[in-house]
Protein backbone atom coordinates (compact mmCIF):
# COMPACT_ATOMS: atom_id res chain seq x y z
CA MET A 1 14.91 -13.77 20.05
CA ASP A 2 14.47 -11.46 16.38
CA SER A 3 12.23 -9.44 15.87
CA VAL A 4 9.63 -11.08 14.08
CA SER A 5 9.72 -13.91 16.66
CA ASN A 6 9.12 -10.94 19.55
CA TRP A 7 6.38 -9.45 17.44
CA GLY A 8 4.42 -13.07 16.34
CA ASP A 9 4.17 -13.55 19.77
CA LYS A 10 2.91 -10.34 20.34
CA VAL A 11 0.25 -10.91 18.70
CA LEU A 12 -0.53 -14.51 19.51
CA SER A 13 -0.26 -12.96 22.92
CA ARG A 14 -3.35 -10.17 21.59
CA PHE A 15 -5.20 -13.42 20.78
CA ASP A 16 -4.97 -15.28 23.09
CA GLN A 17 -5.97 -13.06 25.79
CA SER A 18 -9.26 -12.17 23.43
CA ALA A 19 -10.67 -15.32 22.84
CA GLN A 20 -13.27 -15.26 25.18
CA ASN A 21 -14.37 -11.66 24.21
CA TYR A 22 -13.99 -12.16 20.07
CA ASN A 23 -17.04 -13.07 18.32
CA ALA A 24 -18.79 -10.62 20.40
CA SER A 25 -16.60 -8.13 18.85
CA ALA A 26 -16.15 -9.19 15.63
CA THR A 27 -18.62 -8.09 13.88
CA LEU A 28 -17.10 -7.73 10.10
CA GLN A 29 -14.84 -10.79 10.80
CA HIS A 30 -18.48 -13.19 10.00
CA ALA A 31 -19.84 -11.35 7.97
CA VAL A 32 -16.71 -11.56 5.57
CA ALA A 33 -15.94 -14.78 6.90
CA VAL A 34 -19.83 -15.89 5.49
CA GLN A 35 -18.84 -13.96 1.99
CA LEU A 36 -15.88 -15.88 1.27
CA ALA A 37 -17.74 -19.11 2.19
CA ASN A 38 -20.32 -18.13 -0.20
CA HIS A 39 -18.26 -17.78 -3.02
CA CYS A 40 -16.36 -21.63 -1.72
CA ARG A 41 -20.01 -23.08 -2.58
CA GLN A 42 -20.25 -21.03 -6.21
CA GLN A 43 -17.53 -23.44 -7.43
CA HIS A 44 -18.47 -27.05 -6.15
CA MET A 45 -15.04 -27.57 -4.84
CA PRO A 46 -14.20 -31.44 -3.82
CA GLY A 47 -14.18 -33.15 -0.96
CA GLY A 48 -11.55 -34.57 1.31
CA LEU A 49 -9.16 -32.40 3.17
CA TRP A 50 -10.57 -28.88 4.61
CA VAL A 51 -8.87 -26.93 6.85
CA ASP A 52 -9.38 -23.21 7.86
CA LEU A 53 -5.88 -21.67 8.97
CA GLY A 54 -5.79 -18.91 11.57
CA SER A 55 -9.29 -20.26 12.17
CA GLY A 56 -9.67 -18.43 15.97
CA THR A 57 -13.16 -19.02 17.42
CA GLY A 58 -14.61 -21.03 13.67
CA HIS A 59 -16.23 -18.12 12.15
CA LEU A 60 -14.98 -19.54 8.23
CA ALA A 61 -15.22 -23.55 9.41
CA ASP A 62 -18.08 -23.19 10.93
CA ALA A 63 -19.40 -21.30 7.77
CA LEU A 64 -17.64 -23.59 5.54
CA GLU A 65 -19.60 -26.38 7.48
CA THR A 66 -23.03 -25.19 6.86
CA ARG A 67 -22.60 -24.48 3.06
CA HIS A 68 -21.56 -27.75 2.40
CA PRO A 69 -23.51 -31.05 4.88
CA GLY A 70 -21.52 -33.73 5.44
CA GLN A 71 -18.30 -31.81 4.88
CA ARG A 72 -16.14 -31.43 8.24
CA VAL A 73 -13.47 -28.34 8.43
CA LEU A 74 -10.25 -28.79 9.91
CA ARG A 75 -9.26 -25.56 12.20
CA VAL A 76 -5.22 -25.03 12.87
CA ASP A 77 -4.40 -21.60 14.54
CA GLY A 78 -1.41 -20.98 17.27
CA SER A 79 -3.21 -19.76 19.76
CA GLU A 80 -4.35 -22.21 22.25
CA ALA A 81 -7.28 -19.52 24.12
CA MET A 82 -8.59 -19.44 20.52
CA LEU A 83 -9.82 -22.82 19.49
CA ARG A 84 -10.84 -23.93 22.74
CA GLN A 85 -13.90 -21.22 22.09
CA GLN A 86 -14.56 -23.82 19.42
CA PRO A 87 -17.39 -26.05 19.57
CA LEU A 88 -16.70 -29.27 21.27
CA SER A 89 -17.52 -31.38 18.24
CA ALA A 90 -14.58 -29.64 15.97
CA ARG A 91 -11.58 -31.34 14.44
CA THR A 92 -8.85 -28.88 15.97
CA GLN A 93 -4.81 -28.64 15.61
CA GLN A 94 -2.88 -25.83 17.83
CA TRP A 95 -0.37 -24.86 15.18
CA ASP A 96 2.31 -21.51 14.72
CA LEU A 97 1.03 -20.46 11.03
CA ARG A 98 4.74 -18.71 11.14
CA GLY A 99 5.95 -21.58 9.89
CA ARG A 100 5.95 -24.82 7.52
CA LEU A 101 2.35 -26.14 7.43
CA PRO A 102 2.07 -29.23 9.48
CA ARG A 103 2.23 -32.86 7.47
CA TRP A 104 -1.43 -34.17 7.03
CA PRO A 105 -2.05 -37.98 6.08
CA GLU A 106 -3.77 -36.85 2.56
CA ALA A 107 -3.06 -33.01 0.63
CA PRO A 108 -5.33 -30.93 1.17
CA SER A 109 -8.24 -30.28 -1.32
CA LEU A 110 -8.93 -26.61 0.66
CA LEU A 111 -6.74 -24.85 2.91
CA ALA A 112 -8.59 -21.87 3.47
CA SER A 113 -8.16 -18.30 5.27
CA SER A 114 -9.77 -15.45 6.93
CA PHE A 115 -8.27 -12.52 9.16
CA CYS A 116 -4.94 -14.08 8.88
CA LEU A 117 -2.67 -13.43 6.60
CA HIS A 118 -2.11 -9.90 7.52
CA TRP A 119 -0.29 -11.12 10.24
CA LEU A 120 2.63 -13.37 9.24
CA PRO A 121 5.44 -12.42 8.39
CA SER A 122 6.31 -12.32 4.19
CA PRO A 123 2.42 -12.90 3.39
CA GLY A 124 3.21 -13.69 -0.42
CA GLN A 125 5.35 -16.11 0.73
CA VAL A 126 3.24 -18.24 2.27
CA ILE A 127 0.44 -17.47 -0.04
CA ARG A 128 3.00 -19.70 -2.43
CA HIS A 129 3.72 -21.79 -0.16
CA TRP A 130 -0.05 -23.13 0.99
CA LEU A 131 -0.34 -22.82 -2.52
CA ASN A 132 2.14 -25.64 -2.91
CA GLN A 133 0.60 -27.81 0.08
CA LEU A 134 -3.00 -28.72 -2.18
CA ALA A 135 -3.72 -31.94 -3.64
CA PRO A 136 -3.87 -30.42 -7.73
CA GLY A 137 -6.78 -28.66 -8.75
CA GLY A 138 -7.13 -27.83 -5.31
CA TRP A 139 -8.50 -24.51 -4.09
CA LEU A 140 -7.66 -21.93 -2.41
CA ALA A 141 -10.05 -19.01 0.07
CA VAL A 142 -8.02 -16.22 1.53
CA ALA A 143 -10.02 -13.07 3.01
CA LEU A 144 -7.77 -10.50 3.96
CA PRO A 145 -7.00 -6.44 5.48
CA ILE A 146 -5.24 -4.47 2.21
CA GLU A 147 -3.17 -1.50 1.92
CA GLY A 148 -6.07 1.19 1.56
CA CYS A 149 -7.57 0.90 5.69
CA PHE A 150 -7.73 3.94 7.20
CA PRO A 151 -7.70 6.03 5.13
CA GLN A 152 -9.54 9.11 7.90
CA TRP A 153 -6.76 7.34 10.47
CA HIS A 154 -4.01 7.88 8.08
CA HIS A 155 -5.40 11.35 6.82
CA ALA A 156 -5.26 12.45 10.90
CA ALA A 157 -2.13 11.63 11.54
CA GLU A 158 -0.70 13.23 7.94
CA ILE A 159 -2.83 16.82 9.67
CA THR A 160 -0.86 16.07 13.38
CA GLY A 161 2.38 14.56 13.19
CA ILE A 162 0.93 11.87 15.15
CA PRO A 163 2.48 8.70 13.78
CA CYS A 164 -0.55 6.04 12.40
CA THR A 165 -0.03 3.09 14.93
CA ALA A 166 -2.01 0.83 12.44
CA ILE A 167 0.10 -1.93 11.34
CA THR A 168 1.00 -1.71 7.52
CA PHE A 169 -1.44 -3.92 5.56
CA PRO A 170 -0.05 -5.58 2.18
CA LYS A 171 -0.11 -4.87 -0.69
CA ILE A 172 -2.33 -6.10 -3.48
CA LYS A 173 0.86 -6.38 -5.89
CA ALA A 174 2.99 -7.76 -3.57
CA LEU A 175 1.00 -10.32 -3.03
CA LEU A 176 -0.05 -11.61 -6.70
CA GLN A 177 3.27 -11.71 -7.08
CA TRP A 178 3.40 -15.25 -5.72
CA VAL A 179 0.97 -16.36 -8.17
CA GLY A 180 0.22 -17.27 -11.30
CA ALA A 181 -2.53 -14.84 -12.99
CA ASP A 182 -3.90 -18.85 -14.70
CA GLN A 183 -5.14 -19.62 -11.14
CA ILE A 184 -6.54 -16.86 -9.67
CA ARG A 185 -10.57 -18.00 -10.45
CA LEU A 186 -11.67 -14.60 -8.46
CA GLN A 187 -11.22 -11.27 -7.11
CA GLU A 188 -13.21 -9.32 -5.17
CA GLU A 189 -12.67 -5.91 -2.65
CA MET A 190 -15.38 -5.56 -0.05
CA HIS A 191 -15.10 -1.33 1.80
CA TYR A 192 -16.53 -1.99 5.14
CA ASN A 193 -17.29 1.61 7.25
CA ALA A 194 -16.79 1.38 11.48
CA VAL A 195 -18.82 3.73 12.61
CA ALA A 196 -18.87 5.86 16.30
CA LYS A 197 -19.27 8.93 18.50
CA SER A 198 -15.51 9.16 19.73
CA LEU A 199 -11.87 7.40 18.25
CA PRO A 200 -12.21 5.51 21.41
CA ARG A 201 -15.19 3.97 20.86
CA LEU A 202 -14.96 3.45 17.16
CA LEU A 203 -11.09 1.54 17.56
CA LYS A 204 -13.02 -0.45 20.77
CA PRO A 205 -13.44 -3.41 18.40
CA LEU A 206 -10.07 -3.29 17.47
CA ARG A 207 -8.60 -3.95 20.68
CA ARG A 208 -11.98 -5.99 22.08
CA VAL A 209 -10.93 -8.80 19.17
CA GLY A 210 -6.82 -8.46 19.26
CA ALA A 211 -6.37 -6.67 16.89
CA ASP A 212 -4.52 -3.47 18.34
CA CYS A 213 -1.01 -5.58 18.00
CA THR A 214 1.24 -2.22 16.49
CA THR A 215 5.50 -1.99 16.10
CA GLN A 216 4.49 1.40 17.15
CA PRO A 217 5.49 3.31 20.24
CA SER A 218 2.06 3.67 22.35
CA LEU A 219 0.53 7.14 22.48
CA THR A 220 -0.26 9.99 25.15
CA VAL A 221 -4.35 10.66 25.62
CA ARG A 222 -3.42 14.21 24.27
CA ASP A 223 -1.85 12.53 21.20
CA TRP A 224 -5.46 10.66 20.70
CA ARG A 225 -7.41 13.62 21.37
CA LYS A 226 -5.40 15.55 18.65
CA LEU A 227 -5.67 12.58 16.26
CA GLN A 228 -9.55 12.32 16.96
CA GLN A 229 -9.54 16.96 16.17
CA ALA A 230 -8.35 16.13 12.72
CA TRP A 231 -11.00 12.87 11.54
CA PRO A 232 -12.32 13.70 9.15
CA ASP A 233 -16.30 14.28 8.99
CA LEU A 234 -17.42 13.63 5.48
CA ASP A 235 -20.63 13.48 6.29
CA GLY A 236 -21.05 16.28 8.53
CA ASP A 237 -22.91 13.36 11.33
CA GLY A 238 -20.76 14.19 13.79
CA GLN A 239 -19.64 10.89 13.54
CA LEU A 240 -16.34 9.08 12.82
CA ARG A 241 -15.70 6.93 10.42
CA LEU A 242 -13.43 3.73 9.86
CA THR A 243 -12.96 2.38 6.00
CA TRP A 244 -12.02 -0.95 5.68
CA VAL A 245 -10.22 -2.19 2.38
CA ILE A 246 -10.74 -5.92 2.39
CA LYS A 247 -9.29 -8.36 -0.09
CA LEU A 248 -11.16 -11.77 -0.92
CA MET A 249 -9.07 -14.32 -3.10
CA LEU A 250 -10.23 -17.48 -4.82
CA ILE A 251 -6.91 -19.31 -6.49
CA GLN A 252 -6.47 -22.94 -7.98
CA ARG A 253 -3.62 -24.72 -8.20
């Protein structure tokens, strides 16, 4: 099995392990899902087959159904444990999103995805594949963290020489080269600051939602202490901050 497959298997395993704790710690993921669903509501999207790709415990699918009474959303995820956290009434499908999408009885009119693409290999090509599976005029709604996330962590890593073990987030230019400029209906960038008194507390939500997978070797306790000492305290209040940069896009086929 190649390294890409091994990495994907590791990611799925971590999300399986964190499924029961996910909702309690996924504050950012929930907020982004609500914002993406609000944008979808403003576009008057057609009914038919709506699918939440990488649905996790269902934040985005729930938000879409709440804002579109009577519209059901199929929830698709590679993690069986995550899907088990969905409401009993939910329509779910376990599927490895590293490959091609399933063949559904009808072409979807909406494919939506939040906090999933950055875990997949070649996310730009994935966007192109997803677009091609839509019905003519169908919509792709995506939200994902992009390059520019965690500047404080990268700064501390540069100062100390200790590698930043966060994953590498996609570059927006690399994503958009797979999309026609005339297809993009909306782009929005959200910045979110996590705040805590110590580095372990700051990174705890990442661990609890299963988003702490890394391709880097594990750091020692000493390394983490050095990183905390070098962490920028721009406001001088003794709080450590970790900034997310989230891209939301609506794209139409």
